[in-house]
Amino acid sequence: MDLYLDSVDFKEIEQAFELGFIKGLTTTPTFMHRHGITDIDGAIVKLSGMVPELQVEALGDSVKTILAEADRILALPLEREPVFKVPISNAGVMACQRLTAQGRRVNVHLIYTLNQAYMAVASGAAFVCPLAGRLQDQGHDAVKLFEQCVEMIDKHGYDSKVMFSSVRHPEHVRQALLAGVHVCTVPYGVIKHLCDNSLTALGTAQFFEHTQLMTTHVKELIRPHNPVCTLAETLSSAMVKMTESRLGVVTLVDDEGKLAGIFTDGDLRRRLQEDGREVLDAAFNKIAYTESPVTIGQDALLDEAVKLFKEFEVDSVIVLDNEQPTGVLDIQDLVKLGLLGQEHL
């Protein structure tokens, strides 16, 4: 089944045809009116250079006027000859027969019955185009009509192709495939969702997650700010550095820059509650702090980091290069990547 785009929106036409396998474009005067197109001929000329096959309306109330409209369009500076869309009618099928005899290709559309479809294929239409959505809106079995059209063409050896149109949602595309139609013309909004599936999305997310765990090193994820205080600095200094880094922890180092411990925003609140505001002027070598924080080497994989967060149920892990702290790995960084669920917060 060939996939066509049903649109006159130039931007989405460009985006859709980047897929590389859409075979053609169908348009209608209604689409052009909705998009505010006033220069219809200019739009047709532009579209003829954008797509491999263009289908445009040759509208008229008689054979003569339909043929005249087709000739008028052919006289435009087109880059390729279009397929002419003609609504089903006695005049329409007669015009189709004459255009076909001239070597033109015609899509006879607005079809709602098998008899109409038969008249279209008998007149030599290249495409026979019932409208699924509109038929279903009226309570008709649209899929059955498409199946009958395909069966008629196969049984009697006609060359026409059945086009499934008036597509409203991805389910219509599935129905078109099962009905065995030759072409399905689809709005871009529907095409964009044909690959969507919640199970596929879940599986893909899991693949990305596991790939990150096995290939990303801790040093690639740590934030640029590394809040560090010496033991001689005060709690007030730690509070400023936590605020600037937007982390709830500062790393404490000794005179040689080696890890001595950590002090968290939770520790700060507890000290304030117990000792009052005066404690902000106290140095770390005068108060209690966590001397043995959870650490990880900067070259470790994220898989190891996740195991540490789960095992020790902490919010932060200190990242080391040998014994020198190089950053802080925060649990929120892993949650944002989907590597830890909200239940670990």
Protein backbone atom coordinates (compact mmCIF):
# COMPACT_ATOMS: atom_id res chain seq x y z
CA MET A 1 0.00 0.00 0.00
CA ASP A 2 1.42 3.36 -1.05
CA LEU A 3 1.34 6.17 1.49
CA TYR A 4 0.27 9.65 0.31
CA LEU A 5 0.08 12.89 2.25
CA ASP A 6 -3.22 14.79 2.37
CA SER A 7 -2.30 18.46 2.88
CA VAL A 8 -1.64 21.91 1.43
CA ASP A 9 0.48 23.16 4.36
CA PHE A 10 3.88 23.83 2.77
CA LYS A 11 5.81 23.48 6.02
CA GLU A 12 4.33 20.14 6.99
CA ILE A 13 4.62 18.91 3.39
CA GLU A 14 8.38 19.52 3.57
CA GLN A 15 8.57 17.76 6.93
CA ALA A 16 6.49 14.78 5.84
CA PHE A 17 8.41 14.14 2.62
CA GLU A 18 11.65 14.02 4.61
CA LEU A 19 10.48 10.51 5.54
CA GLY A 20 11.57 9.55 2.05
CA PHE A 21 8.89 7.03 1.17
CA ILE A 22 5.69 9.06 0.76
CA LYS A 23 4.64 8.59 -2.86
CA GLY A 24 2.44 11.60 -3.51
CA LEU A 25 0.32 14.49 -2.29
CA THR A 26 -3.45 14.96 -2.45
CA THR A 27 -5.08 18.38 -2.13
CA THR A 28 -8.58 19.84 -2.08
CA PRO A 29 -10.01 23.32 -2.57
CA THR A 30 -11.35 23.04 0.99
CA PHE A 31 -7.83 22.55 2.36
CA MET A 32 -6.60 25.58 0.43
CA HIS A 33 -9.47 27.72 1.73
CA ARG A 34 -8.80 26.63 5.33
CA HIS A 35 -5.14 27.58 5.03
CA GLY A 36 -5.94 31.00 3.62
CA ILE A 37 -4.52 30.29 0.16
CA THR A 38 -5.87 32.84 -2.31
CA ASP A 39 -3.45 32.24 -5.19
CA ILE A 40 -4.52 28.67 -5.99
CA ASP A 41 -2.57 28.53 -9.25
CA GLY A 42 0.58 29.73 -7.51
CA ALA A 43 0.14 27.06 -4.86
CA ILE A 44 -0.30 24.35 -7.51
CA VAL A 45 2.86 25.45 -9.32
CA LYS A 46 4.86 25.48 -6.09
CA LEU A 47 3.55 22.09 -5.00
CA SER A 48 4.34 20.54 -8.37
CA GLY A 49 8.00 21.14 -7.65
CA MET A 50 7.89 19.84 -4.09
CA VAL A 51 6.49 16.33 -4.42
CA PRO A 52 6.90 13.30 -6.72
CA GLU A 53 3.19 13.20 -7.55
CA LEU A 54 0.59 15.94 -7.09
CA GLN A 55 -3.18 15.46 -7.24
CA VAL A 56 -5.29 18.58 -7.79
CA GLU A 57 -8.93 19.30 -8.46
CA ALA A 58 -10.25 19.79 -12.00
CA LEU A 59 -13.67 21.04 -11.01
CA GLY A 60 -16.55 21.72 -13.36
CA ASP A 61 -20.28 21.17 -13.77
CA SER A 62 -19.99 19.64 -17.25
CA VAL A 63 -17.58 17.60 -19.32
CA LYS A 64 -16.59 20.75 -21.18
CA THR A 65 -15.81 22.78 -18.06
CA ILE A 66 -13.89 19.90 -16.40
CA LEU A 67 -11.74 19.45 -19.50
CA ALA A 68 -11.26 23.21 -19.78
CA GLU A 69 -10.10 23.40 -16.15
CA ALA A 70 -7.66 20.54 -16.73
CA ASP A 71 -6.26 22.32 -19.79
CA ARG A 72 -5.97 25.57 -17.85
CA ILE A 73 -3.96 23.86 -15.09
CA LEU A 74 -1.74 22.13 -17.66
CA ALA A 75 -0.91 25.53 -19.13
CA LEU A 76 0.64 26.64 -15.83
CA PRO A 77 4.46 26.49 -15.50
CA LEU A 78 4.33 23.14 -13.69
CA GLU A 79 7.41 21.04 -12.99
CA ARG A 80 5.41 17.84 -13.46
CA GLU A 81 1.96 17.00 -14.74
CA PRO A 82 -0.56 16.45 -11.96
CA VAL A 83 -3.19 13.78 -11.45
CA PHE A 84 -6.60 15.40 -11.88
CA LYS A 85 -9.19 14.86 -9.15
CA VAL A 86 -12.76 14.79 -10.44
CA PRO A 87 -15.87 14.22 -8.27
CA ILE A 88 -18.01 11.25 -9.31
CA SER A 89 -20.89 12.14 -11.63
CA ASN A 90 -21.99 11.30 -15.16
CA ALA A 91 -20.06 14.33 -16.38
CA GLY A 92 -17.14 13.36 -14.19
CA VAL A 93 -16.73 9.84 -15.56
CA MET A 94 -17.14 11.09 -19.16
CA ALA A 95 -14.42 13.68 -18.52
CA CYS A 96 -12.30 10.97 -16.90
CA GLN A 97 -12.60 8.79 -20.00
CA ARG A 98 -11.56 11.62 -22.30
CA LEU A 99 -8.67 12.74 -20.10
CA THR A 100 -7.47 9.15 -19.84
CA ALA A 101 -7.63 8.83 -23.64
CA GLN A 102 -5.31 11.87 -23.79
CA GLY A 103 -2.80 10.08 -21.56
CA ARG A 104 -3.80 11.96 -18.40
CA ARG A 105 -4.32 10.32 -15.02
CA VAL A 106 -7.52 10.92 -13.07
CA ASN A 107 -8.63 10.32 -9.48
CA VAL A 108 -12.41 9.98 -9.37
CA HIS A 109 -13.31 10.78 -5.77
CA LEU A 110 -16.19 11.60 -3.41
CA ILE A 111 -17.32 7.98 -3.89
CA TYR A 112 -19.79 6.48 -1.43
CA THR A 113 -21.19 3.40 -3.21
CA LEU A 114 -19.88 0.41 -5.15
CA ASN A 115 -21.88 1.50 -8.21
CA GLN A 116 -20.06 4.84 -8.19
CA ALA A 117 -16.74 3.01 -7.85
CA TYR A 118 -17.65 0.77 -10.81
CA MET A 119 -18.42 3.77 -13.02
CA ALA A 120 -15.08 5.30 -12.07
CA VAL A 121 -12.99 2.21 -12.93
CA ALA A 122 -15.00 1.57 -16.09
CA SER A 123 -14.15 5.10 -17.27
CA GLY A 124 -10.45 4.39 -16.82
CA ALA A 125 -9.80 6.20 -13.54
CA ALA A 126 -6.26 5.73 -12.26
CA PHE A 127 -7.59 6.10 -8.70
CA VAL A 128 -10.98 5.35 -7.15
CA CYS A 129 -11.38 7.25 -3.91
CA PRO A 130 -14.13 6.56 -1.34
CA LEU A 131 -14.08 8.63 1.86
CA ALA A 132 -13.81 6.51 4.98
CA GLY A 133 -14.35 9.13 7.66
CA ARG A 134 -17.35 10.71 6.01
CA LEU A 135 -18.97 7.33 5.38
CA GLN A 136 -18.48 6.30 9.00
CA ASP A 137 -19.87 9.65 10.18
CA GLN A 138 -23.15 8.61 8.50
CA GLY A 139 -23.11 5.16 10.09
CA HIS A 140 -22.00 3.24 6.96
CA ASP A 141 -19.57 0.34 6.84
CA ALA A 142 -16.77 2.15 5.04
CA VAL A 143 -14.29 -0.71 5.32
CA LYS A 144 -16.73 -3.05 3.60
CA LEU A 145 -16.96 -0.67 0.64
CA PHE A 146 -13.17 -0.57 0.30
CA GLU A 147 -13.02 -4.36 0.41
CA GLN A 148 -15.69 -4.58 -2.31
CA CYS A 149 -13.81 -2.08 -4.50
CA VAL A 150 -10.58 -4.07 -4.19
CA GLU A 151 -12.42 -7.31 -4.93
CA MET A 152 -14.12 -5.79 -7.99
CA ILE A 153 -10.82 -4.55 -9.42
CA ASP A 154 -9.06 -7.86 -8.78
CA LYS A 155 -11.93 -9.98 -10.07
CA HIS A 156 -12.46 -8.10 -13.33
CA GLY A 157 -8.85 -7.09 -14.04
CA TYR A 158 -9.22 -3.31 -13.90
CA ASP A 159 -6.10 -1.15 -13.68
CA SER A 160 -7.51 1.35 -11.18
CA LYS A 161 -6.10 1.72 -7.68
CA VAL A 162 -8.34 2.08 -4.64
CA MET A 163 -7.39 5.07 -2.50
CA PHE A 164 -8.42 5.15 1.16
CA SER A 165 -9.15 8.79 2.04
CA SER A 166 -10.80 10.92 4.73
CA VAL A 167 -8.43 9.43 7.29
CA ARG A 168 -9.09 10.65 10.82
CA HIS A 169 -6.82 8.53 13.02
CA PRO A 170 -4.19 5.74 12.91
CA GLU A 171 -6.88 3.06 13.13
CA HIS A 172 -8.03 4.08 9.66
CA VAL A 173 -4.58 3.24 8.29
CA ARG A 174 -4.78 -0.20 9.89
CA GLN A 175 -8.21 -0.71 8.34
CA ALA A 176 -6.86 0.36 4.95
CA LEU A 177 -4.06 -2.20 5.15
CA LEU A 178 -6.43 -5.00 6.10
CA ALA A 179 -8.86 -4.03 3.34
CA GLY A 180 -6.08 -4.44 0.77
CA VAL A 181 -6.37 -0.97 -0.76
CA HIS A 182 -3.56 0.21 -3.00
CA VAL A 183 -3.12 3.74 -1.66
CA CYS A 184 -3.90 5.54 1.60
CA THR A 185 -3.76 9.33 1.76
CA VAL A 186 -3.22 10.56 5.30
CA PRO A 187 -3.01 13.92 7.12
CA TYR A 188 0.40 14.69 8.58
CA GLY A 189 -1.03 14.76 12.10
CA VAL A 190 -1.94 11.09 11.69
CA ILE A 191 1.30 10.10 9.93
CA LYS A 192 3.29 11.45 12.89
CA HIS A 193 1.57 8.98 15.21
CA LEU A 194 1.75 5.82 13.11
CA CYS A 195 4.88 4.67 14.96
CA ASP A 196 3.44 5.46 18.41
CA ASN A 197 2.86 2.65 20.88
CA SER A 198 3.11 2.77 24.67
CA LEU A 199 4.87 -0.59 24.86
CA THR A 200 7.41 0.50 22.26
CA ALA A 201 8.01 3.74 24.17
CA LEU A 202 8.50 1.79 27.41
CA GLY A 203 10.91 -0.65 25.81
CA THR A 204 12.89 2.13 24.13
CA ALA A 205 13.16 4.03 27.42
CA GLN A 206 14.47 0.91 29.11
CA PHE A 207 17.07 0.41 26.38
CA PHE A 208 18.26 4.00 26.74
CA GLU A 209 18.34 3.66 30.52
CA HIS A 210 20.38 0.47 30.48
CA THR A 211 22.71 1.83 27.80
CA GLN A 212 23.38 4.93 29.93
CA LEU A 213 24.03 2.80 33.00
CA MET A 214 26.58 0.71 31.13
CA THR A 215 28.31 3.42 29.08
CA THR A 216 28.13 6.74 30.98
CA HIS A 217 30.77 7.57 33.57
CA VAL A 218 30.02 9.45 36.76
CA LYS A 219 32.28 12.37 35.80
CA GLU A 220 30.07 13.02 32.75
CA LEU A 221 27.03 13.67 34.95
CA ILE A 222 28.32 15.70 37.88
CA ARG A 223 27.35 19.36 37.93
CA PRO A 224 29.90 22.10 37.16
CA HIS A 225 29.55 23.55 40.67
CA ASN A 226 31.52 21.64 43.31
CA PRO A 227 30.76 23.21 46.72
CA VAL A 228 33.76 22.58 48.98
CA CYS A 229 34.63 23.95 52.42
CA THR A 230 37.76 23.49 54.48
CA LEU A 231 37.36 22.52 58.11
CA ALA A 232 38.39 26.05 59.09
CA GLU A 233 35.44 27.62 57.24
CA THR A 234 32.14 28.42 58.91
CA LEU A 235 28.61 27.11 58.52
CA SER A 236 27.69 30.49 57.07
CA SER A 237 30.14 29.91 54.23
CA ALA A 238 28.68 26.44 53.65
CA MET A 239 25.16 27.88 53.47
CA VAL A 240 26.25 30.34 50.76
CA LYS A 241 27.96 27.63 48.72
CA MET A 242 24.90 25.33 48.94
CA THR A 243 22.73 28.17 47.67
CA GLU A 244 25.06 29.02 44.80
CA SER A 245 25.42 25.40 43.67
CA ARG A 246 21.75 24.49 44.26
CA LEU A 247 22.96 21.37 46.02
CA GLY A 248 21.98 20.33 49.51
CA VAL A 249 25.50 19.38 50.55
CA VAL A 250 29.04 20.72 50.79
CA THR A 251 32.14 18.55 50.72
CA LEU A 252 34.57 19.09 53.61
CA VAL A 253 38.30 18.76 52.98
CA ASP A 254 41.39 18.85 55.16
CA ASP A 255 44.45 21.03 54.69
CA GLU A 256 45.71 18.73 51.89
CA GLY A 257 42.43 18.91 49.98
CA LYS A 258 41.52 15.34 50.84
CA LEU A 259 38.00 14.32 51.75
CA ALA A 260 37.21 14.84 55.42
CA GLY A 261 33.43 14.56 55.39
CA ILE A 262 30.21 16.24 54.28
CA PHE A 263 27.71 18.67 55.72
CA THR A 264 24.13 18.73 54.41
CA ASP A 265 21.30 21.23 54.46
CA GLY A 266 19.57 18.87 56.89
CA ASP A 267 22.58 19.09 59.21
CA LEU A 268 22.42 22.88 58.94
CA ARG A 269 18.75 23.01 59.95
CA ARG A 270 19.39 20.73 62.93
CA ARG A 271 22.32 22.86 64.13
CA LEU A 272 20.22 26.03 63.86
CA GLN A 273 17.36 24.45 65.80
CA GLU A 274 19.64 23.17 68.54
CA ASP A 275 22.22 25.96 68.83
CA GLY A 276 20.59 29.04 67.33
CA ARG A 277 21.86 31.54 64.74
CA GLU A 278 25.22 31.88 66.50
CA VAL A 279 26.22 28.47 65.14
CA LEU A 280 26.55 30.02 61.65
CA ASP A 281 29.84 31.57 62.81
CA ALA A 282 31.22 28.25 64.04
CA ALA A 283 33.92 26.46 62.05
CA PHE A 284 33.50 22.85 61.01
CA ASN A 285 36.42 21.73 63.16
CA LYS A 286 34.28 22.77 66.16
CA ILE A 287 31.05 20.91 65.29
CA ALA A 288 29.93 17.42 64.30
CA TYR A 289 29.66 16.44 60.63
CA THR A 290 29.45 13.20 58.65
CA GLU A 291 33.00 11.88 58.48
CA SER A 292 32.45 8.84 56.27
CA PRO A 293 30.17 9.85 53.39
CA VAL A 294 29.29 7.55 50.51
CA THR A 295 31.81 8.04 47.71
CA ILE A 296 32.41 6.87 44.18
CA GLY A 297 35.29 7.19 41.72
CA GLN A 298 34.78 9.65 38.88
CA ASP A 299 35.53 6.94 36.29
CA ALA A 300 32.89 4.57 37.68
CA LEU A 301 29.83 3.79 35.54
CA LEU A 302 26.39 5.12 36.46
CA ASP A 303 25.28 1.56 37.12
CA GLU A 304 27.55 1.50 40.17
CA ALA A 305 26.24 4.90 41.30
CA VAL A 306 22.63 3.73 41.13
CA LYS A 307 23.49 0.73 43.29
CA LEU A 308 25.04 3.02 45.92
CA PHE A 309 21.98 5.29 46.06
CA LYS A 310 19.72 2.29 46.49
CA GLU A 311 21.94 0.55 49.03
CA PHE A 312 22.67 3.52 51.32
CA GLU A 313 19.45 5.52 50.67
CA VAL A 314 21.31 8.84 50.45
CA ASP A 315 20.61 11.99 48.44
CA SER A 316 24.21 12.71 47.45
CA VAL A 317 27.33 10.75 46.64
CA ILE A 318 30.75 12.41 46.70
CA VAL A 319 32.78 11.90 43.52
CA LEU A 320 36.51 11.36 43.95
CA ASP A 321 39.61 11.37 41.80
CA ASN A 322 41.88 9.30 44.03
CA GLU A 323 41.23 11.01 47.38
CA GLN A 324 40.44 14.44 45.96
CA PRO A 325 36.72 15.36 45.70
CA THR A 326 35.84 16.49 42.18
CA GLY A 327 32.07 16.88 42.47
CA VAL A 328 28.77 15.72 43.88
CA LEU A 329 26.38 13.29 42.25
CA ASP A 330 22.87 14.25 43.31
CA ILE A 331 19.97 11.81 43.31
CA GLN A 332 17.86 14.29 41.33
CA ASP A 333 20.31 14.06 38.44
CA LEU A 334 19.60 10.34 38.14
CA VAL A 335 15.85 10.77 38.58
CA LYS A 336 15.72 13.30 35.71
CA LEU A 337 17.39 10.75 33.45
CA GLY A 338 14.91 8.07 34.50
CA LEU A 339 17.68 6.03 36.14
CA LEU A 340 16.03 6.17 39.56
CA GLY A 341 12.29 6.25 40.22
CA GLN A 342 10.48 8.73 42.46
CA GLU A 343 10.24 6.01 45.12
CA HIS A 344 13.95 6.53 45.86
CA LEU A 345 13.52 10.22 46.69
